[in-house]
Amino acid sequence: MGHDLSVFSYASVMAATINFADENKLGEGGFGPVYKGKLATGLEIAVKRLSKCSGQGTLEF
């Protein structure tokens, strides 16, 4: 089964999450915080913002 991945501009992610607003924060893990957002198309998304100080994710990303 294939996966379709979409690429979004940083500006569209910022707009969708309202500049990574605290009220849109869903939680936080080893990679960094996760935010909910809504794209201009109405599609609801979850965005993981990688933490600069996290050692995780270097190989994965």
PDB file of N, CA and C in Angstrom:
ATOM      1  N   MET A   1       0.848  -1.169   0.000  1.00  0.00           N
ATOM      2  CA  MET A   1       0.000   0.000   0.000  1.00  0.00           C
ATOM      3  C   MET A   1       0.896   1.236   0.000  1.00  0.00           C
ATOM      4  N   GLY A   2       0.716   2.118  -0.954  1.00  0.00           N
ATOM      5  CA  GLY A   2       1.513   3.331  -1.054  1.00  0.00           C
ATOM      6  C   GLY A   2       0.960   4.439  -0.177  1.00  0.00           C
ATOM      7  N   HIS A   3       1.804   5.384   0.085  1.00  0.00           N
ATOM      8  CA  HIS A   3       1.403   6.538   0.890  1.00  0.00           C
ATOM      9  C   HIS A   3       1.592   7.797   0.064  1.00  0.00           C
ATOM     10  N   ASP A   4       0.582   8.631   0.053  1.00  0.00           N
ATOM     11  CA  ASP A   4       0.687   9.920  -0.615  1.00  0.00           C
ATOM     12  C   ASP A   4       1.095  10.950   0.427  1.00  0.00           C
ATOM     13  N   LEU A   5       2.231  11.570   0.213  1.00  0.00           N
ATOM     14  CA  LEU A   5       2.707  12.598   1.130  1.00  0.00           C
ATOM     15  C   LEU A   5       2.534  13.964   0.488  1.00  0.00           C
ATOM     16  N   SER A   6       2.125  14.911   1.285  1.00  0.00           N
ATOM     17  CA  SER A   6       1.959  16.277   0.805  1.00  0.00           C
ATOM     18  C   SER A   6       3.057  17.147   1.382  1.00  0.00           C
ATOM     19  N   VAL A   7       3.439  18.151   0.626  1.00  0.00           N
ATOM     20  CA  VAL A   7       4.432  19.116   1.078  1.00  0.00           C
ATOM     21  C   VAL A   7       3.726  20.455   1.230  1.00  0.00           C
ATOM     22  N   PHE A   8       3.953  21.099   2.374  1.00  0.00           N
ATOM     23  CA  PHE A   8       3.316  22.379   2.658  1.00  0.00           C
ATOM     24  C   PHE A   8       4.387  23.423   2.917  1.00  0.00           C
ATOM     25  N   SER A   9       4.111  24.643   2.547  1.00  0.00           N
ATOM     26  CA  SER A   9       5.047  25.727   2.832  1.00  0.00           C
ATOM     27  C   SER A   9       5.010  26.037   4.327  1.00  0.00           C
ATOM     28  N   TYR A  10       6.103  26.593   4.817  1.00  0.00           N
ATOM     29  CA  TYR A  10       6.155  26.985   6.224  1.00  0.00           C
ATOM     30  C   TYR A  10       5.076  28.023   6.517  1.00  0.00           C
ATOM     31  N   ALA A  11       4.843  28.923   5.575  1.00  0.00           N
ATOM     32  CA  ALA A  11       3.823  29.963   5.754  1.00  0.00           C
ATOM     33  C   ALA A  11       2.434  29.353   5.920  1.00  0.00           C
ATOM     34  N   SER A  12       2.117  28.306   5.151  1.00  0.00           N
ATOM     35  CA  SER A  12       0.792  27.689   5.265  1.00  0.00           C
ATOM     36  C   SER A  12       0.649  26.938   6.587  1.00  0.00           C
ATOM     37  N   VAL A  13       1.740  26.348   7.073  1.00  0.00           N
ATOM     38  CA  VAL A  13       1.708  25.662   8.369  1.00  0.00           C
ATOM     39  C   VAL A  13       1.561  26.686   9.496  1.00  0.00           C
ATOM     40  N   MET A  14       2.258  27.801   9.387  1.00  0.00           N
ATOM     41  CA  MET A  14       2.134  28.866  10.391  1.00  0.00           C
ATOM     42  C   MET A  14       0.698  29.392  10.438  1.00  0.00           C
ATOM     43  N   ALA A  15       0.107  29.597   9.268  1.00  0.00           N
ATOM     44  CA  ALA A  15      -1.269  30.090   9.211  1.00  0.00           C
ATOM     45  C   ALA A  15      -2.240  29.056   9.777  1.00  0.00           C
ATOM     46  N   ALA A  16      -2.033  27.789   9.451  1.00  0.00           N
ATOM     47  CA  ALA A  16      -2.933  26.720   9.899  1.00  0.00           C
ATOM     48  C   ALA A  16      -2.919  26.557  11.412  1.00  0.00           C
ATOM     49  N   THR A  17      -1.760  26.743  12.030  1.00  0.00           N
ATOM     50  CA  THR A  17      -1.622  26.557  13.479  1.00  0.00           C
ATOM     51  C   THR A  17      -1.721  27.873  14.247  1.00  0.00           C
ATOM     52  N   ILE A  18      -2.005  28.940  13.524  1.00  0.00           N
ATOM     53  CA  ILE A  18      -2.040  30.298  14.091  1.00  0.00           C
ATOM     54  C   ILE A  18      -0.721  30.578  14.817  1.00  0.00           C
ATOM     55  N   ASN A  19       0.361  30.460  14.041  1.00  0.00           N
ATOM     56  CA  ASN A  19       1.722  30.714  14.542  1.00  0.00           C
ATOM     57  C   ASN A  19       2.098  29.810  15.714  1.00  0.00           C
ATOM     58  N   PHE A  20       1.699  28.540  15.622  1.00  0.00           N
ATOM     59  CA  PHE A  20       1.983  27.553  16.668  1.00  0.00           C
ATOM     60  C   PHE A  20       1.474  28.047  18.030  1.00  0.00           C
ATOM     61  N   ALA A  21       0.228  28.497  18.032  1.00  0.00           N
ATOM     62  CA  ALA A  21      -0.389  29.042  19.248  1.00  0.00           C
ATOM     63  C   ALA A  21      -0.514  27.968  20.325  1.00  0.00           C
ATOM     64  N   ASP A  22      -0.322  28.387  21.575  1.00  0.00           N
ATOM     65  CA  ASP A  22      -0.421  27.464  22.708  1.00  0.00           C
ATOM     66  C   ASP A  22      -1.770  26.755  22.758  1.00  0.00           C
ATOM     67  N   GLU A  23      -2.838  27.447  22.383  1.00  0.00           N
ATOM     68  CA  GLU A  23      -4.168  26.818  22.433  1.00  0.00           C
ATOM     69  C   GLU A  23      -4.329  25.716  21.385  1.00  0.00           C
ATOM     70  N   ASN A  24      -3.419  25.644  20.418  1.00  0.00           N
ATOM     71  CA  ASN A  24      -3.456  24.584  19.410  1.00  0.00           C
ATOM     72  C   ASN A  24      -2.485  23.446  19.720  1.00  0.00           C
ATOM     73  N   LYS A  25      -1.790  23.534  20.832  1.00  0.00           N
ATOM     74  CA  LYS A  25      -0.825  22.499  21.201  1.00  0.00           C
ATOM     75  C   LYS A  25      -1.564  21.274  21.728  1.00  0.00           C
ATOM     76  N   LEU A  26      -1.307  20.126  21.099  1.00  0.00           N
ATOM     77  CA  LEU A  26      -1.952  18.876  21.487  1.00  0.00           C
ATOM     78  C   LEU A  26      -1.141  18.106  22.523  1.00  0.00           C
ATOM     79  N   GLY A  27       0.170  18.260  22.478  1.00  0.00           N
ATOM     80  CA  GLY A  27       1.034  17.527  23.393  1.00  0.00           C
ATOM     81  C   GLY A  27       2.481  17.703  22.993  1.00  0.00           C
ATOM     82  N   GLU A  28       3.343  16.924  23.651  1.00  0.00           N
ATOM     83  CA  GLU A  28       4.766  17.023  23.361  1.00  0.00           C
ATOM     84  C   GLU A  28       5.412  15.667  23.563  1.00  0.00           C
ATOM     85  N   GLY A  29       6.319  15.330  22.657  1.00  0.00           N
ATOM     86  CA  GLY A  29       7.039  14.073  22.743  1.00  0.00           C
ATOM     87  C   GLY A  29       8.529  14.310  22.639  1.00  0.00           C
ATOM     88  N   GLY A  30       9.274  13.245  22.392  1.00  0.00           N
ATOM     89  CA  GLY A  30      10.722  13.331  22.315  1.00  0.00           C
ATOM     90  C   GLY A  30      11.233  14.190  21.179  1.00  0.00           C
ATOM     91  N   PHE A  31      10.467  14.286  20.097  1.00  0.00           N
ATOM     92  CA  PHE A  31      10.885  15.095  18.951  1.00  0.00           C
ATOM     93  C   PHE A  31      10.526  16.558  19.130  1.00  0.00           C
ATOM     94  N   GLY A  32       9.491  16.838  19.916  1.00  0.00           N
ATOM     95  CA  GLY A  32       9.032  18.206  20.104  1.00  0.00           C
ATOM     96  C   GLY A  32       7.521  18.264  20.209  1.00  0.00           C
ATOM     97  N   PRO A  33       6.961  19.469  20.254  1.00  0.00           N
ATOM     98  CA  PRO A  33       5.518  19.637  20.421  1.00  0.00           C
ATOM     99  C   PRO A  33       4.725  19.309  19.154  1.00  0.00           C
ATOM    100  N   VAL A  34       3.452  18.946  19.361  1.00  0.00           N
ATOM    101  CA  VAL A  34       2.530  18.645  18.262  1.00  0.00           C
ATOM    102  C   VAL A  34       1.367  19.625  18.350  1.00  0.00           C
ATOM    103  N   TYR A  35       1.026  20.206  17.208  1.00  0.00           N
ATOM    104  CA  TYR A  35      -0.038  21.204  17.140  1.00  0.00           C
ATOM    105  C   TYR A  35      -1.125  20.764  16.177  1.00  0.00           C
ATOM    106  N   LYS A  36      -2.362  21.166  16.466  1.00  0.00           N
ATOM    107  CA  LYS A  36      -3.452  20.974  15.517  1.00  0.00           C
ATOM    108  C   LYS A  36      -3.562  22.237  14.681  1.00  0.00           C
ATOM    109  N   GLY A  37      -4.109  22.067  13.493  1.00  0.00           N
ATOM    110  CA  GLY A  37      -4.296  23.216  12.626  1.00  0.00           C
ATOM    111  C   GLY A  37      -5.328  22.921  11.559  1.00  0.00           C
ATOM    112  N   LYS A  38      -5.689  23.950  10.816  1.00  0.00           N
ATOM    113  CA  LYS A  38      -6.639  23.798   9.715  1.00  0.00           C
ATOM    114  C   LYS A  38      -6.108  24.584   8.530  1.00  0.00           C
ATOM    115  N   LEU A  39      -5.903  23.873   7.416  1.00  0.00           N
ATOM    116  CA  LEU A  39      -5.416  24.512   6.199  1.00  0.00           C
ATOM    117  C   LEU A  39      -6.505  25.376   5.577  1.00  0.00           C
ATOM    118  N   ALA A  40      -6.120  26.238   4.655  1.00  0.00           N
ATOM    119  CA  ALA A  40      -7.074  27.117   3.969  1.00  0.00           C
ATOM    120  C   ALA A  40      -8.153  26.311   3.248  1.00  0.00           C
ATOM    121  N   THR A  41      -7.843  25.069   2.875  1.00  0.00           N
ATOM    122  CA  THR A  41      -8.810  24.197   2.194  1.00  0.00           C
ATOM    123  C   THR A  41      -9.832  23.604   3.156  1.00  0.00           C
ATOM    124  N   GLY A  42      -9.602  23.782   4.474  1.00  0.00           N
ATOM    125  CA  GLY A  42     -10.488  23.211   5.481  1.00  0.00           C
ATOM    126  C   GLY A  42      -9.983  21.897   6.050  1.00  0.00           C
ATOM    127  N   LEU A  43      -8.929  21.348   5.462  1.00  0.00           N
ATOM    128  CA  LEU A  43      -8.358  20.087   5.930  1.00  0.00           C
ATOM    129  C   LEU A  43      -7.716  20.281   7.297  1.00  0.00           C
ATOM    130  N   GLU A  44      -8.111  19.443   8.268  1.00  0.00           N
ATOM    131  CA  GLU A  44      -7.523  19.504   9.603  1.00  0.00           C
ATOM    132  C   GLU A  44      -6.239  18.689   9.618  1.00  0.00           C
ATOM    133  N   ILE A  45      -5.207  19.252  10.242  1.00  0.00           N
ATOM    134  CA  ILE A  45      -3.893  18.614  10.249  1.00  0.00           C
ATOM    135  C   ILE A  45      -3.306  18.598  11.658  1.00  0.00           C
ATOM    136  N   ALA A  46      -2.313  17.744  11.848  1.00  0.00           N
ATOM    137  CA  ALA A  46      -1.479  17.745  13.047  1.00  0.00           C
ATOM    138  C   ALA A  46      -0.054  17.983  12.572  1.00  0.00           C
ATOM    139  N   VAL A  47       0.647  18.879  13.260  1.00  0.00           N
ATOM    140  CA  VAL A  47       1.996  19.272  12.862  1.00  0.00           C
ATOM    141  C   VAL A  47       2.948  19.020  14.017  1.00  0.00           C
ATOM    142  N   LYS A  48       3.993  18.260  13.756  1.00  0.00           N
ATOM    143  CA  LYS A  48       5.028  18.044  14.762  1.00  0.00           C
ATOM    144  C   LYS A  48       6.153  19.027  14.478  1.00  0.00           C
ATOM    145  N   ARG A  49       6.431  19.873  15.444  1.00  0.00           N
ATOM    146  CA  ARG A  49       7.495  20.871  15.301  1.00  0.00           C
ATOM    147  C   ARG A  49       8.733  20.327  16.000  1.00  0.00           C
ATOM    148  N   LEU A  50       9.756  20.028  15.227  1.00  0.00           N
ATOM    149  CA  LEU A  50      10.953  19.427  15.798  1.00  0.00           C
ATOM    150  C   LEU A  50      11.662  20.396  16.735  1.00  0.00           C
ATOM    151  N   SER A  51      12.077  19.882  17.872  1.00  0.00           N
ATOM    152  CA  SER A  51      12.793  20.675  18.860  1.00  0.00           C
ATOM    153  C   SER A  51      14.268  20.743  18.489  1.00  0.00           C
ATOM    154  N   LYS A  52      14.853  21.929  18.562  1.00  0.00           N
ATOM    155  CA  LYS A  52      16.272  22.102  18.247  1.00  0.00           C
ATOM    156  C   LYS A  52      17.165  21.356  19.229  1.00  0.00           C
ATOM    157  N   CYS A  53      16.730  21.240  20.476  1.00  0.00           N
ATOM    158  CA  CYS A  53      17.577  20.627  21.498  1.00  0.00           C
ATOM    159  C   CYS A  53      17.381  19.119  21.608  1.00  0.00           C
ATOM    160  N   SER A  54      16.457  18.560  20.851  1.00  0.00           N
ATOM    161  CA  SER A  54      16.232  17.117  20.889  1.00  0.00           C
ATOM    162  C   SER A  54      17.286  16.410  20.052  1.00  0.00           C
ATOM    163  N   GLY A  55      17.844  15.357  20.594  1.00  0.00           N
ATOM    164  CA  GLY A  55      18.798  14.557  19.836  1.00  0.00           C
ATOM    165  C   GLY A  55      18.106  13.551  18.937  1.00  0.00           C
ATOM    166  N   GLN A  56      16.804  13.387  19.127  1.00  0.00           N
ATOM    167  CA  GLN A  56      16.051  12.445  18.320  1.00  0.00           C
ATOM    168  C   GLN A  56      15.722  13.054  16.966  1.00  0.00           C
ATOM    169  N   GLY A  57      15.573  12.200  15.982  1.00  0.00           N
ATOM    170  CA  GLY A  57      15.122  12.651  14.678  1.00  0.00           C
ATOM    171  C   GLY A  57      16.212  12.924  13.678  1.00  0.00           C
ATOM    172  N   THR A  58      17.464  12.971  14.113  1.00  0.00           N
ATOM    173  CA  THR A  58      18.557  13.279  13.192  1.00  0.00           C
ATOM    174  C   THR A  58      18.606  12.281  12.046  1.00  0.00           C
ATOM    175  N   LEU A  59      18.545  11.013  12.353  1.00  0.00           N
ATOM    176  CA  LEU A  59      18.583   9.992  11.306  1.00  0.00           C
ATOM    177  C   LEU A  59      17.265   9.900  10.547  1.00  0.00           C
ATOM    178  N   GLU A  60      16.156  10.083  11.266  1.00  0.00           N
ATOM    179  CA  GLU A  60      14.842   9.945  10.644  1.00  0.00           C
ATOM    180  C   GLU A  60      14.550  11.067   9.660  1.00  0.00           C
ATOM    181  N   PHE A  61      15.042  12.265   9.950  1.00  0.00           N
ATOM    182  CA  PHE A  61      14.746  13.405   9.103  1.00  0.00           C
ATOM    183  C   PHE A  61      15.979  13.866   8.374  1.00  0.00           C
TER     184      PHE A  61
END
